[in-house]
Amino acid sequence: MAQSAQGGRAEYEPALGGAHQRFMKYFVYVLKSLNFDRNYVGFTRNPVRRLKQHNGGKNKSTKPYLPWELILCEEFDTKEEAIKREKFLKTCKGREYIKSATWRN
């Protein structure tokens, strides 16, 4: 995995299929609407597929704000860690972190 600008968290690289599925990581991601001042925070095991689902109008809460771009993707070993991070990013401090975008520089 490549090191990212978010303080050493690994960036997403496509996961292997088949028997390697059980070793897949969990990812917390932030999407930014290209046409509206909106962000969306979620977690998944496959960020590439999930972004395609969002941009394909498969999610009721993101469909009105198409299209979306992936602006942050963090990797975690466990579902519990990913959920904890997702919950943080949905708090006031988490939204400030996303908005400040200091990790993008």
PDB file of N, CA and C in Angstrom:
ATOM      1  N   MET A   1       0.833  -1.183   0.000  1.00  0.00           N
ATOM      2  CA  MET A   1       0.000   0.000   0.000  1.00  0.00           C
ATOM      3  C   MET A   1       0.878   1.248   0.000  1.00  0.00           C
ATOM      4  N   ALA A   2       0.449   2.246  -0.691  1.00  0.00           N
ATOM      5  CA  ALA A   2       1.157   3.517  -0.744  1.00  0.00           C
ATOM      6  C   ALA A   2       0.815   4.352   0.478  1.00  0.00           C
ATOM      7  N   GLN A   3       1.753   5.151   0.937  1.00  0.00           N
ATOM      8  CA  GLN A   3       1.486   6.055   2.050  1.00  0.00           C
ATOM      9  C   GLN A   3       0.755   7.277   1.540  1.00  0.00           C
ATOM     10  N   SER A   4      -0.191   7.758   2.318  1.00  0.00           N
ATOM     11  CA  SER A   4      -1.001   8.887   1.888  1.00  0.00           C
ATOM     12  C   SER A   4      -0.641  10.141   2.657  1.00  0.00           C
ATOM     13  N   ALA A   5      -1.258  11.243   2.266  1.00  0.00           N
ATOM     14  CA  ALA A   5      -1.029  12.526   2.904  1.00  0.00           C
ATOM     15  C   ALA A   5      -1.789  12.659   4.212  1.00  0.00           C
ATOM     16  N   GLN A   6      -2.614  11.680   4.591  1.00  0.00           N
ATOM     17  CA  GLN A   6      -3.411  11.764   5.806  1.00  0.00           C
ATOM     18  C   GLN A   6      -2.656  11.214   7.013  1.00  0.00           C
ATOM     19  N   GLY A   7      -1.424  11.545   7.188  1.00  0.00           N
ATOM     20  CA  GLY A   7      -0.712  11.117   8.376  1.00  0.00           C
ATOM     21  C   GLY A   7      -0.329   9.654   8.365  1.00  0.00           C
ATOM     22  N   GLY A   8       0.037   9.108   7.227  1.00  0.00           N
ATOM     23  CA  GLY A   8       0.545   7.758   7.160  1.00  0.00           C
ATOM     24  C   GLY A   8      -0.474   6.672   6.928  1.00  0.00           C
ATOM     25  N   ARG A   9      -1.753   6.991   6.872  1.00  0.00           N
ATOM     26  CA  ARG A   9      -2.737   5.956   6.561  1.00  0.00           C
ATOM     27  C   ARG A   9      -2.537   5.525   5.111  1.00  0.00           C
ATOM     28  N   ALA A  10      -2.750   4.279   4.853  1.00  0.00           N
ATOM     29  CA  ALA A  10      -2.528   3.754   3.511  1.00  0.00           C
ATOM     30  C   ALA A  10      -3.676   4.134   2.582  1.00  0.00           C
ATOM     31  N   GLU A  11      -3.344   4.465   1.375  1.00  0.00           N
ATOM     32  CA  GLU A  11      -4.351   4.762   0.362  1.00  0.00           C
ATOM     33  C   GLU A  11      -4.901   3.458  -0.190  1.00  0.00           C
ATOM     34  N   TYR A  12      -6.069   3.550  -0.816  1.00  0.00           N
ATOM     35  CA  TYR A  12      -6.711   2.373  -1.374  1.00  0.00           C
ATOM     36  C   TYR A  12      -5.999   1.906  -2.637  1.00  0.00           C
ATOM     37  N   GLU A  13      -5.769   0.628  -2.715  1.00  0.00           N
ATOM     38  CA  GLU A  13      -5.374  -0.045  -3.947  1.00  0.00           C
ATOM     39  C   GLU A  13      -6.370  -1.174  -4.120  1.00  0.00           C
ATOM     40  N   PRO A  14      -6.751  -1.508  -5.346  1.00  0.00           N
ATOM     41  CA  PRO A  14      -7.771  -2.545  -5.544  1.00  0.00           C
ATOM     42  C   PRO A  14      -7.434  -3.832  -4.799  1.00  0.00           C
ATOM     43  N   ALA A  15      -8.403  -4.333  -4.070  1.00  0.00           N
ATOM     44  CA  ALA A  15      -8.223  -5.564  -3.307  1.00  0.00           C
ATOM     45  C   ALA A  15      -8.314  -6.774  -4.222  1.00  0.00           C
ATOM     46  N   LEU A  16      -7.633  -7.818  -3.832  1.00  0.00           N
ATOM     47  CA  LEU A  16      -7.670  -9.057  -4.601  1.00  0.00           C
ATOM     48  C   LEU A  16      -8.979  -9.778  -4.349  1.00  0.00           C
ATOM     49  N   GLY A  17      -9.468 -10.487  -5.327  1.00  0.00           N
ATOM     50  CA  GLY A  17     -10.716 -11.225  -5.183  1.00  0.00           C
ATOM     51  C   GLY A  17     -10.483 -12.630  -4.682  1.00  0.00           C
ATOM     52  N   GLY A  18     -11.512 -13.444  -4.746  1.00  0.00           N
ATOM     53  CA  GLY A  18     -11.404 -14.856  -4.408  1.00  0.00           C
ATOM     54  C   GLY A  18     -11.067 -15.113  -2.957  1.00  0.00           C
ATOM     55  N   ALA A  19     -10.098 -15.992  -2.721  1.00  0.00           N
ATOM     56  CA  ALA A  19      -9.726 -16.399  -1.372  1.00  0.00           C
ATOM     57  C   ALA A  19      -9.182 -15.245  -0.547  1.00  0.00           C
ATOM     58  N   HIS A  20      -8.697 -14.206  -1.200  1.00  0.00           N
ATOM     59  CA  HIS A  20      -8.132 -13.070  -0.480  1.00  0.00           C
ATOM     60  C   HIS A  20      -9.200 -12.164   0.105  1.00  0.00           C
ATOM     61  N   GLN A  21     -10.462 -12.378  -0.234  1.00  0.00           N
ATOM     62  CA  GLN A  21     -11.559 -11.550   0.248  1.00  0.00           C
ATOM     63  C   GLN A  21     -11.586 -11.469   1.776  1.00  0.00           C
ATOM     64  N   ARG A  22     -11.295 -12.555   2.458  1.00  0.00           N
ATOM     65  CA  ARG A  22     -11.373 -12.552   3.922  1.00  0.00           C
ATOM     66  C   ARG A  22     -10.310 -11.677   4.555  1.00  0.00           C
ATOM     67  N   PHE A  23      -9.280 -11.303   3.801  1.00  0.00           N
ATOM     68  CA  PHE A  23      -8.215 -10.449   4.319  1.00  0.00           C
ATOM     69  C   PHE A  23      -8.409  -8.996   3.910  1.00  0.00           C
ATOM     70  N   MET A  24      -9.508  -8.689   3.263  1.00  0.00           N
ATOM     71  CA  MET A  24      -9.760  -7.329   2.811  1.00  0.00           C
ATOM     72  C   MET A  24      -9.906  -6.394   3.997  1.00  0.00           C
ATOM     73  N   LYS A  25      -9.500  -5.183   3.797  1.00  0.00           N
ATOM     74  CA  LYS A  25      -9.596  -4.141   4.808  1.00  0.00           C
ATOM     75  C   LYS A  25     -10.936  -3.433   4.711  1.00  0.00           C
ATOM     76  N   TYR A  26     -11.171  -2.565   5.652  1.00  0.00           N
ATOM     77  CA  TYR A  26     -12.339  -1.686   5.640  1.00  0.00           C
ATOM     78  C   TYR A  26     -11.841  -0.278   5.336  1.00  0.00           C
ATOM     79  N   PHE A  27     -12.647   0.473   4.628  1.00  0.00           N
ATOM     80  CA  PHE A  27     -12.265   1.811   4.223  1.00  0.00           C
ATOM     81  C   PHE A  27     -13.341   2.808   4.626  1.00  0.00           C
ATOM     82  N   VAL A  28     -12.906   3.930   5.170  1.00  0.00           N
ATOM     83  CA  VAL A  28     -13.794   5.058   5.432  1.00  0.00           C
ATOM     84  C   VAL A  28     -13.488   6.061   4.335  1.00  0.00           C
ATOM     85  N   TYR A  29     -14.531   6.578   3.713  1.00  0.00           N
ATOM     86  CA  TYR A  29     -14.327   7.471   2.581  1.00  0.00           C
ATOM     87  C   TYR A  29     -15.160   8.731   2.729  1.00  0.00           C
ATOM     88  N   VAL A  30     -14.673   9.791   2.087  1.00  0.00           N
ATOM     89  CA  VAL A  30     -15.416  11.051   2.028  1.00  0.00           C
ATOM     90  C   VAL A  30     -15.570  11.401   0.561  1.00  0.00           C
ATOM     91  N   LEU A  31     -16.813  11.647   0.171  1.00  0.00           N
ATOM     92  CA  LEU A  31     -17.121  12.082  -1.186  1.00  0.00           C
ATOM     93  C   LEU A  31     -17.471  13.563  -1.159  1.00  0.00           C
ATOM     94  N   LYS A  32     -17.143  14.249  -2.227  1.00  0.00           N
ATOM     95  CA  LYS A  32     -17.514  15.656  -2.391  1.00  0.00           C
ATOM     96  C   LYS A  32     -18.342  15.777  -3.657  1.00  0.00           C
ATOM     97  N   SER A  33     -19.490  16.433  -3.542  1.00  0.00           N
ATOM     98  CA  SER A  33     -20.319  16.675  -4.715  1.00  0.00           C
ATOM     99  C   SER A  33     -19.635  17.703  -5.604  1.00  0.00           C
ATOM    100  N   LEU A  34     -19.617  17.458  -6.889  1.00  0.00           N
ATOM    101  CA  LEU A  34     -18.994  18.392  -7.825  1.00  0.00           C
ATOM    102  C   LEU A  34     -19.904  19.564  -8.154  1.00  0.00           C
ATOM    103  N   ASN A  35     -21.204  19.436  -7.891  1.00  0.00           N
ATOM    104  CA  ASN A  35     -22.161  20.488  -8.246  1.00  0.00           C
ATOM    105  C   ASN A  35     -22.812  21.182  -7.054  1.00  0.00           C
ATOM    106  N   PHE A  36     -22.607  20.654  -5.848  1.00  0.00           N
ATOM    107  CA  PHE A  36     -23.230  21.214  -4.657  1.00  0.00           C
ATOM    108  C   PHE A  36     -22.195  21.275  -3.541  1.00  0.00           C
ATOM    109  N   ASP A  37     -22.440  22.094  -2.557  1.00  0.00           N
ATOM    110  CA  ASP A  37     -21.552  22.199  -1.401  1.00  0.00           C
ATOM    111  C   ASP A  37     -21.931  21.114  -0.392  1.00  0.00           C
ATOM    112  N   ARG A  38     -21.676  19.855  -0.761  1.00  0.00           N
ATOM    113  CA  ARG A  38     -22.057  18.702   0.056  1.00  0.00           C
ATOM    114  C   ARG A  38     -20.917  17.703   0.106  1.00  0.00           C
ATOM    115  N   ASN A  39     -20.775  17.075   1.274  1.00  0.00           N
ATOM    116  CA  ASN A  39     -19.871  15.943   1.444  1.00  0.00           C
ATOM    117  C   ASN A  39     -20.689  14.767   1.928  1.00  0.00           C
ATOM    118  N   TYR A  40     -20.169  13.580   1.712  1.00  0.00           N
ATOM    119  CA  TYR A  40     -20.811  12.364   2.188  1.00  0.00           C
ATOM    120  C   TYR A  40     -19.729  11.478   2.797  1.00  0.00           C
ATOM    121  N   VAL A  41     -19.985  10.940   3.980  1.00  0.00           N
ATOM    122  CA  VAL A  41     -19.042  10.069   4.671  1.00  0.00           C
ATOM    123  C   VAL A  41     -19.650   8.680   4.771  1.00  0.00           C
ATOM    124  N   GLY A  42     -18.850   7.663   4.458  1.00  0.00           N
ATOM    125  CA  GLY A  42     -19.327   6.295   4.565  1.00  0.00           C
ATOM    126  C   GLY A  42     -18.176   5.332   4.779  1.00  0.00           C
ATOM    127  N   PHE A  43     -18.488   4.044   4.932  1.00  0.00           N
ATOM    128  CA  PHE A  43     -17.441   3.027   4.990  1.00  0.00           C
ATOM    129  C   PHE A  43     -17.843   1.844   4.132  1.00  0.00           C
ATOM    130  N   THR A  44     -16.839   1.144   3.645  1.00  0.00           N
ATOM    131  CA  THR A  44     -17.060   0.052   2.709  1.00  0.00           C
ATOM    132  C   THR A  44     -15.828  -0.841   2.695  1.00  0.00           C
ATOM    133  N   ARG A  45     -15.957  -1.966   2.030  1.00  0.00           N
ATOM    134  CA  ARG A  45     -14.788  -2.822   1.788  1.00  0.00           C
ATOM    135  C   ARG A  45     -14.220  -2.571   0.392  1.00  0.00           C
ATOM    136  N   ASN A  46     -14.970  -1.882  -0.456  1.00  0.00           N
ATOM    137  CA  ASN A  46     -14.519  -1.644  -1.831  1.00  0.00           C
ATOM    138  C   ASN A  46     -14.873  -0.210  -2.248  1.00  0.00           C
ATOM    139  N   PRO A  47     -13.971   0.745  -2.007  1.00  0.00           N
ATOM    140  CA  PRO A  47     -14.277   2.144  -2.310  1.00  0.00           C
ATOM    141  C   PRO A  47     -14.513   2.439  -3.789  1.00  0.00           C
ATOM    142  N   VAL A  48     -13.847   1.746  -4.665  1.00  0.00           N
ATOM    143  CA  VAL A  48     -14.019   1.987  -6.101  1.00  0.00           C
ATOM    144  C   VAL A  48     -15.439   1.615  -6.521  1.00  0.00           C
ATOM    145  N   ARG A  49     -15.877   0.431  -6.113  1.00  0.00           N
ATOM    146  CA  ARG A  49     -17.239  -0.003  -6.419  1.00  0.00           C
ATOM    147  C   ARG A  49     -18.275   0.926  -5.779  1.00  0.00           C
ATOM    148  N   ARG A  50     -18.008   1.328  -4.537  1.00  0.00           N
ATOM    149  CA  ARG A  50     -18.963   2.175  -3.819  1.00  0.00           C
ATOM    150  C   ARG A  50     -19.104   3.533  -4.488  1.00  0.00           C
ATOM    151  N   LEU A  51     -18.006   4.117  -4.952  1.00  0.00           N
ATOM    152  CA  LEU A  51     -18.074   5.398  -5.668  1.00  0.00           C
ATOM    153  C   LEU A  51     -18.914   5.246  -6.933  1.00  0.00           C
ATOM    154  N   LYS A  52     -18.733   4.148  -7.646  1.00  0.00           N
ATOM    155  CA  LYS A  52     -19.536   3.899  -8.848  1.00  0.00           C
ATOM    156  C   LYS A  52     -21.022   3.788  -8.499  1.00  0.00           C
ATOM    157  N   GLN A  53     -21.331   3.160  -7.374  1.00  0.00           N
ATOM    158  CA  GLN A  53     -22.728   3.044  -6.945  1.00  0.00           C
ATOM    159  C   GLN A  53     -23.308   4.425  -6.642  1.00  0.00           C
ATOM    160  N   HIS A  54     -22.542   5.244  -5.932  1.00  0.00           N
ATOM    161  CA  HIS A  54     -23.017   6.597  -5.624  1.00  0.00           C
ATOM    162  C   HIS A  54     -23.245   7.383  -6.916  1.00  0.00           C
ATOM    163  N   ASN A  55     -22.290   7.350  -7.824  1.00  0.00           N
ATOM    164  CA  ASN A  55     -22.412   8.104  -9.077  1.00  0.00           C
ATOM    165  C   ASN A  55     -23.424   7.499 -10.034  1.00  0.00           C
ATOM    166  N   GLY A  56     -23.817   6.265  -9.795  1.00  0.00           N
ATOM    167  CA  GLY A  56     -24.844   5.618 -10.603  1.00  0.00           C
ATOM    168  C   GLY A  56     -26.243   5.838 -10.049  1.00  0.00           C
ATOM    169  N   GLY A  57     -26.356   6.649  -9.011  1.00  0.00           N
ATOM    170  CA  GLY A  57     -27.662   6.949  -8.431  1.00  0.00           C
ATOM    171  C   GLY A  57     -28.236   5.821  -7.598  1.00  0.00           C
ATOM    172  N   LYS A  58     -27.393   4.915  -7.109  1.00  0.00           N
ATOM    173  CA  LYS A  58     -27.862   3.749  -6.338  1.00  0.00           C
ATOM    174  C   LYS A  58     -28.114   4.072  -4.862  1.00  0.00           C
ATOM    175  N   ASN A  59     -27.719   5.252  -4.414  1.00  0.00           N
ATOM    176  CA  ASN A  59     -27.898   5.635  -3.023  1.00  0.00           C
ATOM    177  C   ASN A  59     -28.873   6.798  -2.940  1.00  0.00           C
ATOM    178  N   LYS A  60     -29.965   6.598  -2.209  1.00  0.00           N
ATOM    179  CA  LYS A  60     -31.033   7.585  -2.117  1.00  0.00           C
ATOM    180  C   LYS A  60     -30.551   8.923  -1.562  1.00  0.00           C
ATOM    181  N   SER A  61     -29.637   8.897  -0.594  1.00  0.00           N
ATOM    182  CA  SER A  61     -29.201  10.146   0.030  1.00  0.00           C
ATOM    183  C   SER A  61     -28.169  10.917  -0.782  1.00  0.00           C
ATOM    184  N   THR A  62     -27.514  10.273  -1.739  1.00  0.00           N
ATOM    185  CA  THR A  62     -26.517  10.988  -2.549  1.00  0.00           C
ATOM    186  C   THR A  62     -26.994  11.265  -3.975  1.00  0.00           C
ATOM    187  N   LYS A  63     -28.029  10.590  -4.414  1.00  0.00           N
ATOM    188  CA  LYS A  63     -28.513  10.719  -5.798  1.00  0.00           C
ATOM    189  C   LYS A  63     -28.804  12.166  -6.222  1.00  0.00           C
ATOM    190  N   PRO A  64     -29.435  12.997  -5.371  1.00  0.00           N
ATOM    191  CA  PRO A  64     -29.739  14.368  -5.815  1.00  0.00           C
ATOM    192  C   PRO A  64     -28.512  15.260  -6.020  1.00  0.00           C
ATOM    193  N   TYR A  65     -27.341  14.818  -5.556  1.00  0.00           N
ATOM    194  CA  TYR A  65     -26.158  15.680  -5.574  1.00  0.00           C
ATOM    195  C   TYR A  65     -25.060  15.177  -6.509  1.00  0.00           C
ATOM    196  N   LEU A  66     -25.419  14.366  -7.469  1.00  0.00           N
ATOM    197  CA  LEU A  66     -24.467  13.819  -8.447  1.00  0.00           C
ATOM    198  C   LEU A  66     -23.794  14.926  -9.252  1.00  0.00           C
ATOM    199  N   PRO A  67     -22.606  14.696  -9.739  1.00  0.00           N
ATOM    200  CA  PRO A  67     -21.690  13.574  -9.496  1.00  0.00           C
ATOM    201  C   PRO A  67     -20.830  13.823  -8.254  1.00  0.00           C
ATOM    202  N   TRP A  68     -20.154  12.756  -7.823  1.00  0.00           N
ATOM    203  CA  TRP A  68     -19.312  12.782  -6.633  1.00  0.00           C
ATOM    204  C   TRP A  68     -17.869  12.463  -7.001  1.00  0.00           C
ATOM    205  N   GLU A  69     -16.937  13.019  -6.202  1.00  0.00           N
ATOM    206  CA  GLU A  69     -15.528  12.635  -6.330  1.00  0.00           C
ATOM    207  C   GLU A  69     -15.043  12.180  -4.961  1.00  0.00           C
ATOM    208  N   LEU A  70     -14.128  11.238  -4.955  1.00  0.00           N
ATOM    209  CA  LEU A  70     -13.539  10.725  -3.730  1.00  0.00           C
ATOM    210  C   LEU A  70     -12.443  11.681  -3.288  1.00  0.00           C
ATOM    211  N   ILE A  71     -12.580  12.260  -2.084  1.00  0.00           N
ATOM    212  CA  ILE A  71     -11.559  13.205  -1.619  1.00  0.00           C
ATOM    213  C   ILE A  71     -10.740  12.661  -0.461  1.00  0.00           C
ATOM    214  N   LEU A  72     -11.197  11.584   0.177  1.00  0.00           N
ATOM    215  CA  LEU A  72     -10.451  10.977   1.273  1.00  0.00           C
ATOM    216  C   LEU A  72     -10.832   9.511   1.373  1.00  0.00           C
ATOM    217  N   CYS A  73      -9.833   8.675   1.564  1.00  0.00           N
ATOM    218  CA  CYS A  73     -10.077   7.245   1.744  1.00  0.00           C
ATOM    219  C   CYS A  73      -9.028   6.722   2.721  1.00  0.00           C
ATOM    220  N   GLU A  74      -9.491   6.233   3.874  1.00  0.00           N
ATOM    221  CA  GLU A  74      -8.599   5.718   4.907  1.00  0.00           C
ATOM    222  C   GLU A  74      -8.858   4.235   5.128  1.00  0.00           C
ATOM    223  N   GLU A  75      -7.795   3.486   5.362  1.00  0.00           N
ATOM    224  CA  GLU A  75      -7.877   2.033   5.501  1.00  0.00           C
ATOM    225  C   GLU A  75      -7.793   1.609   6.966  1.00  0.00           C
ATOM    226  N   PHE A  76      -8.608   0.603   7.331  1.00  0.00           N
ATOM    227  CA  PHE A  76      -8.625   0.078   8.690  1.00  0.00           C
ATOM    228  C   PHE A  76      -8.652  -1.440   8.655  1.00  0.00           C
ATOM    229  N   ASP A  77      -8.078  -2.049   9.687  1.00  0.00           N
ATOM    230  CA  ASP A  77      -8.030  -3.509   9.767  1.00  0.00           C
ATOM    231  C   ASP A  77      -9.360  -4.125  10.184  1.00  0.00           C
ATOM    232  N   THR A  78     -10.136  -3.408  10.988  1.00  0.00           N
ATOM    233  CA  THR A  78     -11.379  -3.979  11.490  1.00  0.00           C
ATOM    234  C   THR A  78     -12.568  -3.081  11.174  1.00  0.00           C
ATOM    235  N   LYS A  79     -13.723  -3.701  11.136  1.00  0.00           N
ATOM    236  CA  LYS A  79     -14.967  -2.975  10.898  1.00  0.00           C
ATOM    237  C   LYS A  79     -15.227  -1.986  12.038  1.00  0.00           C
ATOM    238  N   GLU A  80     -14.910  -2.396  13.254  1.00  0.00           N
ATOM    239  CA  GLU A  80     -15.127  -1.534  14.417  1.00  0.00           C
ATOM    240  C   GLU A  80     -14.308  -0.244  14.323  1.00  0.00           C
ATOM    241  N   GLU A  81     -13.043  -0.360  13.901  1.00  0.00           N
ATOM    242  CA  GLU A  81     -12.205   0.830  13.736  1.00  0.00           C
ATOM    243  C   GLU A  81     -12.773   1.757  12.663  1.00  0.00           C
ATOM    244  N   ALA A  82     -13.235   1.167  11.579  1.00  0.00           N
ATOM    245  CA  ALA A  82     -13.792   1.958  10.476  1.00  0.00           C
ATOM    246  C   ALA A  82     -15.062   2.681  10.914  1.00  0.00           C
ATOM    247  N   ILE A  83     -15.923   1.991  11.640  1.00  0.00           N
ATOM    248  CA  ILE A  83     -17.165   2.617  12.107  1.00  0.00           C
ATOM    249  C   ILE A  83     -16.859   3.760  13.072  1.00  0.00           C
ATOM    250  N   LYS A  84     -15.880   3.555  13.939  1.00  0.00           N
ATOM    251  CA  LYS A  84     -15.492   4.608  14.889  1.00  0.00           C
ATOM    252  C   LYS A  84     -15.013   5.853  14.135  1.00  0.00           C
ATOM    253  N   ARG A  85     -14.184   5.654  13.109  1.00  0.00           N
ATOM    254  CA  ARG A  85     -13.675   6.787  12.325  1.00  0.00           C
ATOM    255  C   ARG A  85     -14.808   7.453  11.542  1.00  0.00           C
ATOM    256  N   GLU A  86     -15.681   6.652  10.951  1.00  0.00           N
ATOM    257  CA  GLU A  86     -16.818   7.203  10.216  1.00  0.00           C
ATOM    258  C   GLU A  86     -17.678   8.070  11.140  1.00  0.00           C
ATOM    259  N   LYS A  87     -17.950   7.573  12.337  1.00  0.00           N
ATOM    260  CA  LYS A  87     -18.751   8.343  13.293  1.00  0.00           C
ATOM    261  C   LYS A  87     -18.066   9.651  13.653  1.00  0.00           C
ATOM    262  N   PHE A  88     -16.728   9.616  13.841  1.00  0.00           N
ATOM    263  CA  PHE A  88     -16.010  10.852  14.138  1.00  0.00           C
ATOM    264  C   PHE A  88     -16.149  11.855  12.997  1.00  0.00           C
ATOM    265  N   LEU A  89     -15.958  11.390  11.768  1.00  0.00           N
ATOM    266  CA  LEU A  89     -16.016  12.308  10.624  1.00  0.00           C
ATOM    267  C   LEU A  89     -17.398  12.915  10.439  1.00  0.00           C
ATOM    268  N   LYS A  90     -18.416  12.315  11.033  1.00  0.00           N
ATOM    269  CA  LYS A  90     -19.774  12.847  10.950  1.00  0.00           C
ATOM    270  C   LYS A  90     -20.089  13.817  12.096  1.00  0.00           C
ATOM    271  N   THR A  91     -19.156  13.980  13.038  1.00  0.00           N
ATOM    272  CA  THR A  91     -19.347  14.933  14.132  1.00  0.00           C
ATOM    273  C   THR A  91     -18.951  16.327  13.658  1.00  0.00           C
ATOM    274  N   CYS A  92     -19.213  17.305  14.512  1.00  0.00           N
ATOM    275  CA  CYS A  92     -18.843  18.689  14.194  1.00  0.00           C
ATOM    276  C   CYS A  92     -17.331  18.805  13.964  1.00  0.00           C
ATOM    277  N   LYS A  93     -16.526  18.203  14.859  1.00  0.00           N
ATOM    278  CA  LYS A  93     -15.066  18.254  14.704  1.00  0.00           C
ATOM    279  C   LYS A  93     -14.621  17.515  13.449  1.00  0.00           C
ATOM    280  N   GLY A  94     -15.269  16.412  13.153  1.00  0.00           N
ATOM    281  CA  GLY A  94     -14.934  15.656  11.957  1.00  0.00           C
ATOM    282  C   GLY A  94     -15.231  16.437  10.688  1.00  0.00           C
ATOM    283  N   ARG A  95     -16.376  17.118  10.665  1.00  0.00           N
ATOM    284  CA  ARG A  95     -16.723  17.955   9.504  1.00  0.00           C
ATOM    285  C   ARG A  95     -15.745  19.115   9.358  1.00  0.00           C
ATOM    286  N   GLU A  96     -15.304  19.670  10.490  1.00  0.00           N
ATOM    287  CA  GLU A  96     -14.289  20.731  10.439  1.00  0.00           C
ATOM    288  C   GLU A  96     -12.988  20.200   9.859  1.00  0.00           C
ATOM    289  N   TYR A  97     -12.612  18.987  10.261  1.00  0.00           N
ATOM    290  CA  TYR A  97     -11.405  18.345   9.730  1.00  0.00           C
ATOM    291  C   TYR A  97     -11.490  18.203   8.212  1.00  0.00           C
ATOM    292  N   ILE A  98     -12.631  17.737   7.738  1.00  0.00           N
ATOM    293  CA  ILE A  98     -12.827  17.571   6.294  1.00  0.00           C
ATOM    294  C   ILE A  98     -12.784  18.924   5.599  1.00  0.00           C
ATOM    295  N   LYS A  99     -13.462  19.903   6.158  1.00  0.00           N
ATOM    296  CA  LYS A  99     -13.537  21.225   5.553  1.00  0.00           C
ATOM    297  C   LYS A  99     -12.179  21.918   5.528  1.00  0.00           C
ATOM    298  N   SER A 100     -11.383  21.744   6.575  1.00  0.00           N
ATOM    299  CA  SER A 100     -10.077  22.417   6.649  1.00  0.00           C
ATOM    300  C   SER A 100      -9.142  21.935   5.556  1.00  0.00           C
ATOM    301  N   ALA A 101      -9.267  20.678   5.185  1.00  0.00           N
ATOM    302  CA  ALA A 101      -8.512  20.092   4.069  1.00  0.00           C
ATOM    303  C   ALA A 101      -7.007  20.224   4.205  1.00  0.00           C
ATOM    304  N   THR A 102      -6.514  20.389   5.437  1.00  0.00           N
ATOM    305  CA  THR A 102      -5.063  20.500   5.617  1.00  0.00           C
ATOM    306  C   THR A 102      -4.355  19.211   5.222  1.00  0.00           C
ATOM    307  N   TRP A 103      -5.046  18.076   5.290  1.00  0.00           N
ATOM    308  CA  TRP A 103      -4.448  16.788   4.919  1.00  0.00           C
ATOM    309  C   TRP A 103      -4.322  16.638   3.406  1.00  0.00           C
ATOM    310  N   ARG A 104      -4.954  17.545   2.649  1.00  0.00           N
ATOM    311  CA  ARG A 104      -4.873  17.474   1.179  1.00  0.00           C
ATOM    312  C   ARG A 104      -3.618  18.137   0.638  1.00  0.00           C
ATOM    313  N   ASN A 105      -2.962  18.972   1.431  1.00  0.00           N
ATOM    314  CA  ASN A 105      -1.786  19.726   0.927  1.00  0.00           C
ATOM    315  C   ASN A 105      -0.589  18.863   0.725  1.00  0.00           C
TER     316      ASN A 105
END
